[in-house]
Amino acid sequence: MNMGQLKRMDQVRLIIETYLQTKSIKATSRRLKVARNTVKTYLRRAQRYNVELAVVLQLSEAELLSICYKPDRKEASTREKIFISKIDYWIKELTRIGVNKQKLWEEYISEYPQGYGYSQFCEKLKREIGRKDLTISLSHKPGECMQIDFAGKKMRWVDISTGQVHEAEILIVVLPHSQYTFAIALPSQKVHDFVHGLNQALLFFGKLPQSFLSDNLRSYVKKADRYDPEFNALCVQLAAHYNIDLQATRVGKPKDKASVENAVNISYSRINAPLRNETFHSLEELNAAIRIQLVKHNNKPYQKREGSRQEVFQTVELPVMRELPSDLFEVKRITKSKVRRDYHVFIGEAKNYYSVPFQYVGKDTTIIYTSKTVEVFADNQRIAIHDRLPFRNAYRHQTNPTHMPKSHMEWKRARGFNAAYFLKLADQIGPQTYWAISEVLISRIHEAQSYNSCHGIFKLANKYSAERLELACSRCRRVGKASYSMLRRILHHNLDQVIEQEDLFNIPEHDNIRGAETYK
């Protein structure tokens, strides 16, 4: 080997291989008849690329050349220009599934053999990504994770009827890759409101991520643990419904969800500030205004990269996300109830009754209900299922005829009792009695109970006469309420016979009283 000239790449490989065998610079120099400084120089350049020299030996001729020899200024300038010209293309390609820096470098060096070696390529590209503030977006796969947090600052709305000011919690949800953001005002941070907010976020995005990530919110995490956190039961049900993984940040590590932390801070200037002088009279009004600001925010161009949140979400994230199921997750509530003597269980939230087979009277049951259905369980067996009564229908009974004792069914069938039957009897007595029976029919809790009351009212007619019952019903009508006990009390105390005192402040009608027309 001629020591005065630059070494060919096969000679450089031989220097490295001999050094790996001898583990000595002096021995390598003596065996190859190369100056010690020459051996040191090539070894230093090789180890600057990778301390594992065996890895360096795996490089191609072009790669080894780029490591061992610096190009002249003209060549360096050309190489830099080519590299810079491809940066935007590489950054965009890195967002695509399966594309990494190794793949991009292989394509680059194949097209331009005099280009940078792999380590330099990665270092320079990393520097450019940092300069463009793209580290966060490139460290998150598109559509993979949905980060969640509540904003620290609340928003307000005013009840127009009472003037009461209500504070609303603001849930912020963001997809880290595009920074595409959703926000919603909720009555509280309680788990039912939290789950509703997550449902609305998924509807907003239109598709499913692979996982949820939040800090240790009480509505999300039941018991915090770095390795195995215990999540709230409702959140576990929601995750199972959507086949989504639940993840929690480490305690005291807000950077684990840096994207949503940043989104919360931005929301103050792009949602709270524009709406600060507006007054809202319902949660719905507030959320409608928030949606308008969200559209502006998501369509606003990035400060340090091309495009907008909306564009990147639509073109990069949405295509790789999973489809939403046909039904949204329904919050399932659980309550306990003992079966009453009338073979119904009671749901206290809406104050309604639902039947179960009469054999279960006196048994303790577990009721699982949603906004649509009610399921009743006894001894881990479902014994009844009903459609949920509307929330406004308080103190109503939902009765399945098959749950009734046979004798009850035969009794009702034989007697033919129904509302029309009692109204027909009342109409035969008079209009006031018809009104009173109508009130009793709609005011009683249970149908059978209203029928018993109606029977009692007609017995009063037998005892005191139909005429007196009509007078008693008339007295009830003046106060707008009727019941069997009221009518019985009126008749027992003969209040129906009392002639009420005339109104001293209004002139009664009379033929001998002249009106204003007389004096014209």
Protein backbone atom coordinates (compact mmCIF):
# COMPACT_ATOMS: atom_id res chain seq x y z
CA MET A 1 0.00 0.00 0.00
CA ASN A 2 1.22 3.46 -0.87
CA MET A 3 0.85 5.54 2.25
CA GLY A 4 1.10 8.92 0.48
CA GLN A 5 -2.14 8.54 -1.43
CA LEU A 6 -5.78 8.36 -0.39
CA LYS A 7 -6.77 4.81 0.22
CA ARG A 8 -9.31 2.99 -1.89
CA MET A 9 -12.37 1.70 -0.07
CA ASP A 10 -11.15 -1.89 -0.30
CA GLN A 11 -7.94 -0.76 1.40
CA VAL A 12 -9.90 1.04 4.12
CA ARG A 13 -11.95 -2.12 4.70
CA LEU A 14 -8.72 -4.10 5.02
CA ILE A 15 -7.40 -1.64 7.63
CA ILE A 16 -10.60 -2.01 9.67
CA GLU A 17 -10.71 -5.79 9.32
CA THR A 18 -7.03 -6.16 10.33
CA TYR A 19 -7.56 -3.93 13.36
CA LEU A 20 -10.56 -6.03 14.44
CA GLN A 21 -8.35 -9.12 14.23
CA THR A 22 -5.27 -7.73 15.98
CA LYS A 23 -6.96 -5.26 18.35
CA SER A 24 -3.83 -3.16 17.92
CA ILE A 25 -3.00 -0.08 15.84
CA LYS A 26 0.70 -0.95 15.96
CA ALA A 27 0.11 -4.53 14.74
CA THR A 28 -2.22 -3.31 11.96
CA SER A 29 0.37 -0.76 10.82
CA ARG A 30 3.15 -3.37 10.80
CA ARG A 31 1.13 -6.05 8.99
CA LEU A 32 -0.20 -3.73 6.25
CA LYS A 33 2.89 -1.50 6.11
CA VAL A 34 0.76 1.59 6.70
CA ALA A 35 1.69 4.52 8.92
CA ARG A 36 0.18 4.42 12.38
CA ASN A 37 -1.39 7.89 11.90
CA THR A 38 -3.06 6.64 8.71
CA VAL A 39 -4.58 3.71 10.61
CA LYS A 40 -5.66 6.07 13.41
CA THR A 41 -7.24 8.49 10.93
CA TYR A 42 -9.38 5.90 9.19
CA LEU A 43 -10.36 4.21 12.43
CA ARG A 44 -11.36 7.56 13.94
CA ARG A 45 -13.53 8.43 10.93
CA ALA A 46 -15.14 4.99 10.96
CA GLN A 47 -15.84 5.10 14.72
CA ARG A 48 -17.32 8.58 14.39
CA TYR A 49 -19.99 6.93 12.28
CA ASN A 50 -20.39 3.92 14.59
CA VAL A 51 -18.20 2.65 17.41
CA GLU A 52 -19.08 -0.87 16.32
CA LEU A 53 -16.61 -1.23 13.43
CA ALA A 54 -18.30 -4.42 12.29
CA VAL A 55 -21.33 -2.26 11.43
CA VAL A 56 -19.13 0.04 9.35
CA LEU A 57 -17.89 -2.92 7.32
CA GLN A 58 -21.48 -3.65 6.28
CA LEU A 59 -21.76 -0.26 4.51
CA SER A 60 -21.66 0.06 0.75
CA GLU A 61 -18.74 1.59 -1.14
CA ALA A 62 -20.59 4.91 -1.49
CA GLU A 63 -21.50 4.99 2.21
CA LEU A 64 -17.97 4.19 3.30
CA LEU A 65 -16.65 6.84 0.97
CA SER A 66 -18.92 9.49 2.47
CA ILE A 67 -17.62 8.61 5.93
CA CYS A 68 -13.93 8.56 5.12
CA TYR A 69 -13.59 11.57 2.84
CA LYS A 70 -15.07 14.99 3.03
CA PRO A 71 -16.17 16.30 -0.36
CA ASP A 72 -14.75 19.49 -1.80
CA ARG A 73 -16.66 22.73 -1.38
CA LYS A 74 -18.43 22.52 -4.72
CA GLU A 75 -19.49 18.94 -4.11
CA ALA A 76 -20.55 19.77 -0.53
CA SER A 77 -22.64 22.68 -1.75
CA THR A 78 -24.40 20.49 -4.32
CA ARG A 79 -25.04 17.75 -1.78
CA GLU A 80 -26.51 20.26 0.69
CA LYS A 81 -28.81 21.74 -1.95
CA ILE A 82 -30.08 18.31 -2.95
CA PHE A 83 -30.68 17.41 0.68
CA ILE A 84 -32.56 20.65 1.43
CA SER A 85 -34.68 20.29 -1.70
CA LYS A 86 -36.00 16.95 -0.45
CA ILE A 87 -36.73 17.86 3.18
CA ASP A 88 -40.43 18.72 2.73
CA TYR A 89 -40.95 15.55 0.70
CA TRP A 90 -39.28 13.39 3.38
CA ILE A 91 -41.27 15.00 6.20
CA LYS A 92 -44.51 14.32 4.35
CA GLU A 93 -43.45 10.73 3.58
CA LEU A 94 -42.64 10.06 7.24
CA THR A 95 -46.35 10.48 8.04
CA ARG A 96 -47.22 7.53 5.84
CA ILE A 97 -47.64 4.02 7.23
CA GLY A 98 -44.46 1.92 7.15
CA VAL A 99 -42.17 4.75 6.01
CA ASN A 100 -39.15 5.41 8.23
CA LYS A 101 -35.81 7.20 7.98
CA GLN A 102 -33.94 4.06 6.96
CA LYS A 103 -36.21 3.57 3.97
CA LEU A 104 -35.95 7.22 2.91
CA TRP A 105 -32.15 7.17 3.22
CA GLU A 106 -31.86 4.03 1.08
CA GLU A 107 -33.91 5.69 -1.67
CA TYR A 108 -31.85 8.90 -1.32
CA ILE A 109 -28.43 7.24 -1.49
CA SER A 110 -29.56 5.05 -4.40
CA GLU A 111 -30.51 8.15 -6.36
CA TYR A 112 -27.51 10.21 -5.19
CA PRO A 113 -24.53 7.99 -4.18
CA GLN A 114 -22.45 10.99 -3.12
CA GLY A 115 -25.10 11.91 -0.54
CA TYR A 116 -24.79 11.91 3.23
CA GLY A 117 -24.22 8.70 5.17
CA TYR A 118 -27.06 7.32 7.23
CA SER A 119 -26.02 8.87 10.56
CA GLN A 120 -25.51 12.31 9.00
CA PHE A 121 -28.75 11.98 7.09
CA CYS A 122 -30.69 11.21 10.28
CA GLU A 123 -29.00 13.95 12.26
CA LYS A 124 -29.60 16.63 9.64
CA LEU A 125 -33.21 15.54 9.08
CA LYS A 126 -33.83 15.54 12.83
CA ARG A 127 -32.47 19.08 13.02
CA GLU A 128 -34.79 20.22 10.24
CA ILE A 129 -37.81 18.58 11.87
CA GLY A 130 -37.00 20.34 15.14
CA ARG A 131 -36.56 23.67 13.36
CA LYS A 132 -40.00 23.28 11.79
CA ASP A 133 -41.50 22.27 15.19
CA LEU A 134 -42.72 18.96 13.78
CA THR A 135 -41.31 16.65 16.45
CA ILE A 136 -44.69 16.06 18.09
CA SER A 137 -46.57 15.27 14.90
CA LEU A 138 -43.89 12.87 13.63
CA SER A 139 -43.62 11.05 16.95
CA HIS A 140 -47.32 10.12 16.84
CA LYS A 141 -48.72 7.77 14.24
CA PRO A 142 -51.73 9.18 12.36
CA GLY A 143 -55.05 8.40 14.00
CA GLU A 144 -53.48 6.21 16.67
CA CYS A 145 -54.19 8.07 19.90
CA MET A 146 -56.84 10.49 21.16
CA GLN A 147 -55.56 12.67 24.01
CA ILE A 148 -58.09 13.97 26.54
CA ASP A 149 -58.13 16.63 29.26
CA PHE A 150 -60.37 19.18 30.97
CA ALA A 151 -59.44 22.83 30.63
CA GLY A 152 -58.57 24.52 33.90
CA LYS A 153 -60.74 27.54 33.13
CA LYS A 154 -64.51 27.10 32.99
CA MET A 155 -67.09 28.88 30.83
CA ARG A 156 -70.49 30.19 31.92
CA TRP A 157 -74.11 30.33 30.86
CA VAL A 158 -77.08 32.07 32.50
CA ASP A 159 -80.52 30.57 33.11
CA ILE A 160 -82.81 33.15 31.52
CA SER A 161 -85.77 32.24 33.77
CA THR A 162 -83.96 32.42 37.13
CA GLY A 163 -80.86 34.48 36.35
CA GLN A 164 -78.69 31.77 37.92
CA VAL A 165 -75.15 31.56 36.55
CA HIS A 166 -73.95 28.04 35.74
CA GLU A 167 -70.30 27.09 35.24
CA ALA A 168 -69.50 24.53 32.54
CA GLU A 169 -66.48 22.26 32.39
CA ILE A 170 -64.67 22.31 29.02
CA LEU A 171 -63.47 18.95 27.73
CA ILE A 172 -60.64 19.19 25.19
CA VAL A 173 -59.81 16.27 22.88
CA VAL A 174 -57.00 16.27 20.30
CA LEU A 175 -55.44 13.91 17.76
CA PRO A 176 -51.69 14.54 18.31
CA HIS A 177 -50.47 13.92 14.77
CA SER A 178 -52.55 16.65 13.13
CA GLN A 179 -53.43 18.56 16.33
CA TYR A 180 -57.06 18.38 15.12
CA THR A 181 -59.08 19.55 18.11
CA PHE A 182 -62.55 19.03 19.61
CA ALA A 183 -64.06 20.87 22.58
CA ILE A 184 -67.39 20.61 24.40
CA ALA A 185 -68.96 22.28 27.43
CA LEU A 186 -70.29 19.79 30.00
CA PRO A 187 -72.29 20.25 33.22
CA SER A 188 -69.58 18.57 35.29
CA GLN A 189 -66.56 16.27 35.26
CA LYS A 190 -68.67 13.39 36.57
CA VAL A 191 -68.24 10.13 34.72
CA HIS A 192 -71.63 10.23 32.95
CA ASP A 193 -70.91 13.70 31.54
CA PHE A 194 -67.34 12.65 30.72
CA VAL A 195 -68.54 9.61 28.74
CA HIS A 196 -71.07 11.80 26.92
CA GLY A 197 -68.21 14.13 25.96
CA LEU A 198 -66.15 11.22 24.59
CA ASN A 199 -69.13 10.03 22.53
CA GLN A 200 -69.52 13.51 21.06
CA ALA A 201 -65.78 13.68 20.30
CA LEU A 202 -65.95 10.42 18.34
CA LEU A 203 -68.96 11.73 16.41
CA PHE A 204 -67.00 14.90 15.65
CA PHE A 205 -63.99 12.96 14.33
CA GLY A 206 -66.25 10.51 12.50
CA LYS A 207 -63.95 7.54 13.11
CA LEU A 208 -62.19 5.65 15.90
CA PRO A 209 -58.60 5.98 17.17
CA GLN A 210 -56.67 3.03 18.54
CA SER A 211 -56.48 4.37 22.09
CA PHE A 212 -57.54 7.05 24.59
CA LEU A 213 -54.88 8.81 26.66
CA SER A 214 -55.66 11.02 29.63
CA ASP A 215 -54.12 11.89 32.94
CA ASN A 216 -55.54 10.47 36.15
CA LEU A 217 -58.94 12.20 36.04
CA ARG A 218 -61.35 10.85 38.66
CA SER A 219 -63.92 10.24 35.92
CA TYR A 220 -61.33 8.20 33.97
CA VAL A 221 -58.97 6.47 36.39
CA LYS A 222 -60.25 4.77 39.53
CA LYS A 223 -56.81 3.91 40.91
CA ALA A 224 -53.60 5.37 39.52
CA ASP A 225 -50.64 3.09 38.91
CA ARG A 226 -47.61 3.58 36.70
CA TYR A 227 -47.79 0.09 35.22
CA ASP A 228 -51.38 -1.07 35.67
CA PRO A 229 -53.91 1.73 36.38
CA GLU A 230 -57.48 0.76 37.26
CA PHE A 231 -60.00 2.56 35.06
CA ASN A 232 -63.54 3.63 35.88
CA ALA A 233 -66.07 0.89 35.14
CA LEU A 234 -68.07 3.03 32.69
CA CYS A 235 -64.91 3.92 30.77
CA VAL A 236 -64.02 0.23 30.59
CA GLN A 237 -67.50 -0.48 29.16
CA LEU A 238 -67.05 2.32 26.62
CA ALA A 239 -63.62 1.00 25.59
CA ALA A 240 -65.03 -2.50 25.14
CA HIS A 241 -67.90 -1.15 23.03
CA TYR A 242 -65.54 0.67 20.66
CA ASN A 243 -62.61 -1.79 20.98
CA ILE A 244 -60.33 1.03 22.10
CA ASP A 245 -57.33 0.73 24.43
CA LEU A 246 -57.34 2.86 27.60
CA GLN A 247 -54.07 4.50 28.61
CA ALA A 248 -53.19 6.84 31.46
CA THR A 249 -50.21 9.15 31.85
CA ARG A 250 -47.69 8.71 34.61
CA VAL A 251 -48.57 10.65 37.75
CA GLY A 252 -47.05 14.12 37.61
CA LYS A 253 -45.89 13.72 33.98
CA PRO A 254 -47.97 16.18 31.91
CA LYS A 255 -45.54 15.85 28.99
CA ASP A 256 -46.95 12.37 28.41
CA LYS A 257 -49.93 14.16 26.85
CA ALA A 258 -48.18 17.30 25.65
CA SER A 259 -50.47 17.66 22.63
CA VAL A 260 -53.66 18.11 24.62
CA GLU A 261 -51.87 20.30 27.18
CA ASN A 262 -50.90 22.57 24.29
CA ALA A 263 -54.43 22.40 22.85
CA VAL A 264 -55.88 23.50 26.21
CA ASN A 265 -53.61 26.57 26.24
CA ILE A 266 -54.52 27.43 22.65
CA SER A 267 -58.24 27.01 23.42
CA TYR A 268 -58.07 29.91 25.86
CA SER A 269 -57.10 32.34 23.10
CA ARG A 270 -59.09 30.81 20.25
CA ILE A 271 -62.30 29.78 22.08
CA ASN A 272 -62.59 31.51 25.45
CA ALA A 273 -61.28 34.91 24.38
CA PRO A 274 -63.51 35.38 21.27
CA LEU A 275 -66.59 34.41 23.35
CA ARG A 276 -65.71 36.33 26.50
CA ASN A 277 -68.24 39.16 25.94
CA GLU A 278 -71.15 36.94 24.86
CA THR A 279 -73.94 35.72 27.15
CA PHE A 280 -75.37 32.25 26.66
CA HIS A 281 -78.69 31.03 28.07
CA SER A 282 -78.18 27.29 27.79
CA LEU A 283 -75.46 24.70 27.49
CA GLU A 284 -76.65 24.10 23.92
CA GLU A 285 -76.11 27.76 22.99
CA LEU A 286 -72.64 27.68 24.50
CA ASN A 287 -71.66 24.54 22.61
CA ALA A 288 -72.99 25.94 19.33
CA ALA A 289 -70.70 28.95 19.77
CA ILE A 290 -67.76 26.71 20.67
CA ARG A 291 -68.28 24.71 17.45
CA ILE A 292 -67.99 27.88 15.37
CA GLN A 293 -64.67 28.74 17.02
CA LEU A 294 -63.45 25.15 16.55
CA VAL A 295 -64.00 25.37 12.81
CA LYS A 296 -61.92 28.55 12.67
CA HIS A 297 -59.18 27.03 14.83
CA ASN A 298 -58.89 23.77 12.87
CA ASN A 299 -58.80 25.59 9.53
CA LYS A 300 -56.23 28.15 10.65
CA PRO A 301 -52.83 27.51 8.94
CA TYR A 302 -50.03 26.08 11.06
CA GLN A 303 -47.39 28.55 12.15
CA LYS A 304 -44.36 26.37 11.39
CA ARG A 305 -45.53 23.85 8.81
CA GLU A 306 -47.63 23.71 5.70
CA GLY A 307 -51.38 23.15 5.74
CA SER A 308 -53.85 23.22 8.61
CA ARG A 309 -55.17 20.82 11.24
CA GLN A 310 -58.26 20.18 9.13
CA GLU A 311 -56.24 19.39 5.98
CA VAL A 312 -53.81 17.01 7.69
CA PHE A 313 -56.64 15.27 9.55
CA GLN A 314 -58.66 14.77 6.36
CA THR A 315 -55.78 13.63 4.16
CA VAL A 316 -53.54 11.71 6.58
CA GLU A 317 -55.41 10.63 9.72
CA LEU A 318 -59.01 10.01 8.69
CA PRO A 319 -58.13 7.40 6.00
CA VAL A 320 -56.27 5.19 8.51
CA MET A 321 -58.80 5.39 11.37
CA ARG A 322 -61.43 2.71 12.03
CA GLU A 323 -65.13 3.04 11.33
CA LEU A 324 -67.57 3.96 14.09
CA PRO A 325 -70.07 1.22 15.06
CA SER A 326 -73.71 1.74 14.13
CA ASP A 327 -74.69 2.47 17.77
CA LEU A 328 -72.96 4.84 20.13
CA PHE A 329 -72.05 3.60 23.59
CA GLU A 330 -74.98 3.87 25.98
CA VAL A 331 -74.28 4.68 29.61
CA LYS A 332 -75.59 1.82 31.71
CA ARG A 333 -76.81 2.73 35.17
CA ILE A 334 -77.28 0.22 37.97
CA THR A 335 -79.70 0.38 40.89
CA LYS A 336 -81.26 -1.98 43.42
CA SER A 337 -84.97 -2.52 44.15
CA LYS A 338 -87.09 -4.96 46.11
CA VAL A 339 -90.09 -6.27 44.17
CA ARG A 340 -93.25 -4.63 45.55
CA ARG A 341 -96.49 -6.39 46.34
CA ASP A 342 -97.86 -5.25 42.99
CA TYR A 343 -94.93 -7.15 41.34
CA HIS A 344 -93.21 -3.95 40.14
CA VAL A 345 -89.71 -2.59 40.80
CA PHE A 346 -88.95 1.10 41.22
CA ILE A 347 -86.29 3.22 39.45
CA GLY A 348 -85.76 6.27 41.61
CA GLU A 349 -84.03 8.43 38.99
CA ALA A 350 -87.20 8.86 36.91
CA LYS A 351 -89.64 7.62 39.58
CA ASN A 352 -91.16 4.90 37.40
CA TYR A 353 -92.28 1.32 37.97
CA TYR A 354 -91.61 -1.77 35.83
CA SER A 355 -93.22 -5.18 36.23
CA VAL A 356 -91.53 -8.52 36.88
CA PRO A 357 -93.11 -11.99 37.11
CA PHE A 358 -95.33 -12.00 40.22
CA GLN A 359 -93.42 -14.99 41.68
CA TYR A 360 -90.56 -12.60 42.57
CA VAL A 361 -92.60 -10.44 44.98
CA GLY A 362 -90.37 -9.55 47.94
CA LYS A 363 -87.13 -10.50 46.17
CA ASP A 364 -84.13 -8.17 45.90
CA THR A 365 -83.28 -7.30 42.30
CA THR A 366 -80.58 -5.49 40.37
CA ILE A 367 -81.75 -3.16 37.61
CA ILE A 368 -79.48 -2.20 34.71
CA TYR A 369 -80.96 0.54 32.55
CA THR A 370 -80.05 2.92 29.73
CA SER A 371 -82.00 5.69 28.04
CA LYS A 372 -83.71 3.00 25.94
CA THR A 373 -84.08 -0.21 27.93
CA VAL A 374 -84.61 -1.53 31.47
CA GLU A 375 -83.33 -4.99 32.46
CA VAL A 376 -84.19 -6.57 35.83
CA PHE A 377 -82.01 -9.32 37.33
CA ALA A 378 -82.61 -11.65 40.27
CA ASP A 379 -80.00 -14.20 41.37
CA ASN A 380 -77.88 -13.26 38.31
CA GLN A 381 -80.75 -14.20 35.97
CA ARG A 382 -82.60 -11.65 33.85
CA ILE A 383 -86.28 -11.90 34.78
CA ALA A 384 -87.69 -8.92 32.86
CA ILE A 385 -86.85 -6.44 30.10
CA HIS A 386 -88.79 -3.29 29.19
CA ASP A 387 -88.55 -0.29 26.91
CA ARG A 388 -87.64 2.72 29.04
CA LEU A 389 -90.52 5.08 29.82
CA PRO A 390 -89.85 8.71 28.82
CA PHE A 391 -88.17 10.63 31.62
CA ARG A 392 -91.06 13.12 31.84
CA ASN A 393 -93.56 10.34 32.66
CA ALA A 394 -92.91 10.24 36.39
CA TYR A 395 -94.84 7.80 38.58
CA ARG A 396 -96.02 5.66 35.70
CA HIS A 397 -96.19 1.87 35.52
CA GLN A 398 -94.98 -0.29 32.68
CA THR A 399 -96.72 -3.66 33.05
CA ASN A 400 -96.19 -6.78 30.98
CA PRO A 401 -99.49 -8.77 31.13
CA THR A 402 -97.58 -12.06 31.27
CA HIS A 403 -96.10 -10.95 34.62
CA MET A 404 -99.54 -10.73 36.24
CA PRO A 405 -101.05 -13.53 38.35
CA LYS A 406 -103.60 -15.49 36.32
CA SER A 407 -106.42 -14.52 38.68
CA HIS A 408 -105.71 -10.81 38.11
CA MET A 409 -105.88 -11.23 34.37
CA GLU A 410 -109.13 -13.22 34.52
CA TRP A 411 -110.63 -10.66 36.92
CA LYS A 412 -109.80 -7.77 34.59
CA ARG A 413 -111.01 -9.70 31.54
CA ALA A 414 -114.32 -10.70 33.20
CA ARG A 415 -115.12 -7.25 34.57
CA GLY A 416 -113.90 -5.43 31.50
CA PHE A 417 -112.52 -2.59 33.60
CA ASN A 418 -110.76 0.19 31.74
CA ALA A 419 -110.81 3.96 31.63
CA ALA A 420 -113.67 4.05 29.13
CA TYR A 421 -115.80 1.87 31.44
CA PHE A 422 -115.50 4.27 34.40
CA LEU A 423 -115.91 7.41 32.28
CA LYS A 424 -119.14 5.99 30.86
CA LEU A 425 -120.53 5.46 34.38
CA ALA A 426 -119.44 8.96 35.42
CA ASP A 427 -121.10 10.54 32.40
CA GLN A 428 -124.41 9.02 33.52
CA ILE A 429 -124.15 10.96 36.81
CA GLY A 430 -123.09 14.33 35.42
CA PRO A 431 -120.30 16.48 33.92
CA GLN A 432 -118.68 17.27 37.29
CA THR A 433 -118.38 13.57 38.15
CA TYR A 434 -117.01 12.89 34.66
CA TRP A 435 -114.31 15.50 35.28
CA ALA A 436 -113.45 14.07 38.72
CA ILE A 437 -113.14 10.49 37.41
CA SER A 438 -110.89 11.76 34.57
CA GLU A 439 -108.61 13.40 37.14
CA VAL A 440 -108.39 10.23 39.23
CA LEU A 441 -107.58 8.08 36.20
CA ILE A 442 -104.59 10.21 35.21
CA SER A 443 -103.27 10.98 38.69
CA ARG A 444 -102.92 7.53 40.22
CA ILE A 445 -99.60 5.68 40.24
CA HIS A 446 -100.88 2.27 39.23
CA GLU A 447 -103.78 1.42 36.94
CA ALA A 448 -105.35 -1.02 39.43
CA GLN A 449 -105.13 1.59 42.16
CA SER A 450 -106.97 4.14 40.03
CA TYR A 451 -109.71 1.58 39.37
CA ASN A 452 -110.13 0.99 43.12
CA SER A 453 -110.46 4.73 43.68
CA CYS A 454 -113.08 4.95 40.92
CA HIS A 455 -115.03 2.11 42.53
CA GLY A 456 -114.92 3.98 45.83
CA ILE A 457 -116.27 7.17 44.24
CA PHE A 458 -119.26 5.34 42.74
CA LYS A 459 -119.99 3.75 46.12
CA LEU A 460 -120.20 7.29 47.51
CA ALA A 461 -122.96 7.95 44.98
CA ASN A 462 -124.84 4.92 46.28
CA LYS A 463 -124.37 6.06 49.88
CA TYR A 464 -125.05 9.81 49.55
CA SER A 465 -126.89 10.01 46.17
CA ALA A 466 -125.70 10.87 42.68
CA GLU A 467 -126.87 14.49 43.08
CA ARG A 468 -124.72 15.09 46.15
CA LEU A 469 -121.73 13.42 44.47
CA GLU A 470 -122.13 15.80 41.53
CA LEU A 471 -122.14 18.77 43.95
CA ALA A 472 -119.06 17.44 45.76
CA CYS A 473 -117.22 17.00 42.44
CA SER A 474 -118.15 20.56 41.51
CA ARG A 475 -116.58 21.78 44.73
CA CYS A 476 -113.38 19.83 43.92
CA ARG A 477 -113.29 21.25 40.44
CA ARG A 478 -113.06 24.78 41.79
CA VAL A 479 -109.68 23.89 43.35
CA GLY A 480 -108.57 21.87 40.31
CA LYS A 481 -108.00 18.56 42.08
CA ALA A 482 -110.08 15.45 42.82
CA SER A 483 -109.56 12.22 44.73
CA TYR A 484 -111.64 9.62 46.53
CA SER A 485 -110.53 10.89 49.96
CA MET A 486 -111.43 14.52 49.12
CA LEU A 487 -114.92 13.55 47.93
CA ARG A 488 -115.53 11.30 50.92
CA ARG A 489 -114.53 14.12 53.32
CA ILE A 490 -116.76 16.66 51.57
CA LEU A 491 -119.77 14.37 51.70
CA HIS A 492 -119.11 13.16 55.26
CA HIS A 493 -119.00 16.75 56.56
CA ASN A 494 -121.89 17.87 54.33
CA LEU A 495 -119.72 20.51 52.72
CA ASP A 496 -121.52 19.91 49.43
CA GLN A 497 -124.63 21.39 51.10
CA VAL A 498 -122.92 24.64 52.12
CA ILE A 499 -123.96 27.63 50.01
CA GLU A 500 -120.82 29.64 49.41
CA GLN A 501 -120.88 33.34 50.30
CA GLU A 502 -121.43 35.66 47.40
CA ASP A 503 -118.57 37.77 46.14
CA LEU A 504 -119.05 41.17 47.77
CA PHE A 505 -116.70 42.88 45.34
CA ASN A 506 -118.57 42.10 42.11
CA ILE A 507 -122.14 43.12 41.19
CA PRO A 508 -124.32 40.04 40.68
CA GLU A 509 -126.33 39.66 37.51
CA HIS A 510 -130.00 40.79 37.89
CA ASP A 511 -132.79 41.92 35.55
CA ASN A 512 -133.49 45.11 37.60
CA ILE A 513 -129.94 46.36 37.49
CA ARG A 514 -129.38 48.91 34.77
CA GLY A 515 -126.15 48.81 32.83
CA ALA A 516 -124.03 51.49 31.15
CA GLU A 517 -126.24 51.42 28.05
CA THR A 518 -129.09 53.06 30.06
CA TYR A 519 -127.15 56.27 30.57
CA LYS A 520 -126.06 56.91 27.00
